[in-house]
Protein backbone atom coordinates (compact mmCIF):
# COMPACT_ATOMS: atom_id res chain seq x y z
CA MET A 1 -9.08 -4.77 21.39
CA ILE A 2 -11.48 -6.06 23.42
CA LYS A 3 -11.86 -9.84 24.18
CA THR A 4 -15.05 -10.93 26.37
CA GLY A 5 -16.50 -14.38 26.51
CA GLY A 6 -14.58 -15.51 23.63
CA VAL A 7 -15.59 -12.58 20.94
CA LEU A 8 -12.66 -10.06 19.50
CA HIS A 9 -14.30 -6.48 19.19
CA VAL A 10 -12.24 -3.83 17.85
CA PRO A 11 -14.37 -0.53 18.35
CA ALA A 12 -14.71 1.72 15.19
CA GLY A 13 -11.38 4.19 15.08
CA GLU A 14 -9.31 1.78 17.08
CA GLY A 15 -6.52 -0.65 16.50
CA LEU A 16 -2.64 -0.63 16.13
CA VAL A 17 -1.76 2.17 13.61
CA LYS A 18 1.60 1.96 11.73
CA TRP A 19 3.03 3.64 8.90
CA VAL A 20 4.28 1.27 6.18
CA SER A 21 6.01 2.38 2.91
CA GLY A 22 4.19 5.54 2.88
CA ASP A 23 0.58 3.79 3.64
CA ILE A 24 -1.27 4.14 6.83
CA TYR A 25 -2.22 0.31 8.11
CA THR A 26 -4.09 0.01 11.39
CA VAL A 27 -4.01 -3.46 12.76
CA LYS A 28 -7.42 -4.65 13.83
CA ALA A 29 -6.42 -8.60 14.41
CA THR A 30 -3.72 -10.79 15.02
CA ARG A 31 -2.22 -13.99 15.12
CA SER A 32 -2.21 -13.71 18.81
CA SER A 33 -5.86 -12.24 19.17
CA THR A 34 -7.44 -14.96 16.84
CA SER A 35 -5.83 -17.91 18.30
CA GLY A 36 -3.74 -18.39 14.90
CA ALA A 37 -6.61 -18.22 12.45
CA LEU A 38 -6.05 -14.50 10.97
CA GLY A 39 -4.32 -11.00 10.86
CA PHE A 40 -6.98 -8.10 10.02
CA VAL A 41 -5.56 -4.89 8.49
CA GLU A 42 -7.32 -1.80 7.29
CA ALA A 43 -5.17 0.37 4.84
CA VAL A 44 -5.29 3.69 3.56
CA VAL A 45 -3.06 4.05 0.49
CA PRO A 46 -2.16 7.44 -0.89
CA PRO A 47 -2.21 7.86 -4.61
CA GLY A 48 0.98 5.79 -6.37
CA GLY A 49 1.32 4.17 -2.77
CA GLY A 50 1.68 0.65 -1.93
CA PRO A 51 4.17 -2.23 -1.68
CA ILE A 52 6.65 -3.63 -3.64
CA ALA A 53 6.18 -6.92 -5.45
CA HIS A 54 6.26 -10.10 -2.89
CA ALA A 55 5.03 -13.30 -2.08
CA HIS A 56 4.15 -14.97 1.42
CA LYS A 57 6.00 -18.40 1.89
CA ALA A 58 2.97 -19.84 4.27
CA THR A 59 0.20 -17.19 4.07
CA ASP A 60 -2.58 -16.58 1.87
CA GLU A 61 -3.83 -13.11 1.60
CA SER A 62 -7.18 -11.48 0.86
CA PHE A 63 -8.29 -7.73 -0.21
CA TYR A 64 -11.63 -6.13 -0.37
CA LEU A 65 -11.33 -2.48 -2.03
CA LEU A 66 -13.76 0.11 -0.14
CA ASP A 67 -12.55 3.35 -2.38
CA GLY A 68 -10.46 3.99 -4.79
CA ALA A 69 -8.77 1.95 -7.77
CA LEU A 70 -5.66 -0.29 -7.43
CA GLU A 71 -3.34 -1.98 -9.88
CA PHE A 72 -2.81 -5.24 -9.01
CA LEU A 73 -0.09 -7.51 -9.92
CA ASP A 74 -0.53 -10.84 -10.60
CA GLY A 75 2.62 -12.92 -11.34
CA ASP A 76 3.76 -10.99 -14.35
CA HIS A 77 0.44 -9.40 -15.19
CA THR A 78 -1.62 -6.54 -14.01
CA PHE A 79 -5.32 -5.82 -13.69
CA VAL A 80 -7.25 -2.98 -12.00
CA ALA A 81 -9.54 -3.30 -9.32
CA GLU A 82 -11.94 -0.62 -7.86
CA ALA A 83 -14.30 -0.51 -4.93
CA GLY A 84 -16.05 -3.11 -4.25
CA ALA A 85 -13.77 -5.73 -5.71
CA PHE A 86 -12.34 -8.79 -3.65
CA VAL A 87 -8.90 -10.32 -4.38
CA PHE A 88 -7.51 -13.40 -3.21
CA VAL A 89 -3.71 -13.93 -3.63
CA PRO A 90 -2.36 -17.76 -2.37
CA ARG A 91 0.46 -18.12 -0.79
CA LEU A 92 3.99 -18.27 -2.66
CA HIS A 93 2.16 -16.09 -5.66
CA ARG A 94 3.93 -12.87 -6.58
CA HIS A 95 1.83 -9.58 -6.06
CA ARG A 96 1.41 -6.17 -5.02
CA PHE A 97 -0.78 -3.56 -5.59
CA THR A 98 -0.48 0.17 -6.48
CA ASN A 99 -3.09 3.20 -6.14
CA ILE A 100 -3.53 4.74 -9.57
CA SER A 101 -6.62 6.65 -8.49
CA GLY A 102 -5.98 10.39 -7.70
CA THR A 103 -7.25 10.14 -4.19
CA ASN A 104 -6.50 7.61 -1.08
CA ALA A 105 -7.44 4.42 -1.80
CA ARG A 106 -9.21 2.34 1.66
CA LEU A 107 -8.94 -1.28 1.66
CA LEU A 108 -8.91 -4.31 4.25
CA PHE A 109 -6.93 -7.35 4.07
CA VAL A 110 -6.87 -10.47 5.73
CA PHE A 111 -4.08 -12.95 6.22
CA THR A 112 -4.77 -16.49 6.64
CA PRO A 113 -3.31 -18.02 8.88
CA GLY A 114 -2.12 -14.96 10.97
CA GLY A 115 1.18 -13.71 11.74
CA LEU A 116 2.07 -11.62 8.58
CA GLU A 117 0.74 -8.30 9.96
CA ASP A 118 3.89 -8.82 12.54
CA LEU A 119 5.51 -7.09 9.73
CA PHE A 120 3.60 -4.14 10.22
CA ILE A 121 3.74 -3.94 13.87
CA ASP A 122 7.68 -5.08 13.96
CA GLY A 123 8.60 -3.18 11.02
CA GLY A 124 6.33 -0.18 10.40
CA ASP A 125 6.82 3.15 11.84
CA ASP A 126 5.00 4.59 14.67
CA PRO A 127 2.43 7.73 13.50
CA VAL A 128 4.05 11.26 14.16
CA THR A 129 1.63 13.96 14.95
CA GLY A 130 1.25 16.45 12.12
CA GLY A 131 3.50 14.17 9.89
CA ALA A 132 2.75 11.93 6.83
CA PRO A 133 3.90 8.34 5.86
CA GLU A 134 7.25 8.34 3.77
CA PRO A 135 7.51 5.69 0.71
CA TRP A 136 10.05 3.29 1.57
CA GLY A 137 13.04 2.71 -0.48
CA VAL A 138 15.21 -0.39 -1.25
CA GLU A 139 17.18 0.51 1.56
CA ARG A 140 14.23 0.13 4.17
CA ASN A 141 13.55 -3.18 2.98
CA ASP A 142 17.35 -3.84 3.66
CA GLN A 143 17.06 -2.52 7.15
CA ILE A 144 13.93 -4.89 8.33
CA ALA A 145 15.10 -8.02 6.16
CA ASP A 146 15.24 -9.95 9.46
CA ILE A 147 11.43 -9.06 9.99
CA ILE A 148 10.64 -9.59 6.47
CA GLU A 149 12.12 -13.12 6.52
CA ARG A 150 10.67 -14.09 9.99
CA THR A 151 7.22 -13.45 8.93
CA GLY A 152 7.24 -15.36 5.90
CA SER A 153 7.57 -12.91 2.99
CA ILE A 154 9.95 -12.92 0.17
CA ALA A 155 10.53 -9.47 -1.69
CA LEU A 156 10.30 -9.82 -5.67
CA PRO A 157 10.83 -6.28 -7.10
CA GLU A 158 9.99 -5.69 -10.39
CA THR A 159 12.51 -5.04 -13.08
CA PRO A 160 12.22 -1.47 -14.65
CA ARG A 161 11.01 -1.87 -18.36
């Protein structure tokens, strides 16, 4: 990150990379780098990837899908978003996304206000050269429960049908 004259500039290919629940997240802006205004993340989500259903206590979340197709959970209903789609999820609303395409999906997401990106920074895995991120099970969410709570998230897993 480069901050000069009050402007934050993150050049292409830069940012803090973390592996989160099988996905690759590049944190481009944080609460601290934007005076609390937002957190901004670029994500690569493999087929079948994405987080468990959850909600955020005090943060709105916006998504812009660059490539692929994601199934979004909206409360108890689902819909499909494809490249070019924008999705806004207000705080306290249950949601998740799952890549339903056969290739990696790429998307951007914004947290307002910033701070929720700390979940990825503090709870995510550092990339391993030559490796690939692994999906997380319930046990991993249990391991980082304190970070989930501190960042204002609430895990709300779906019940198998």
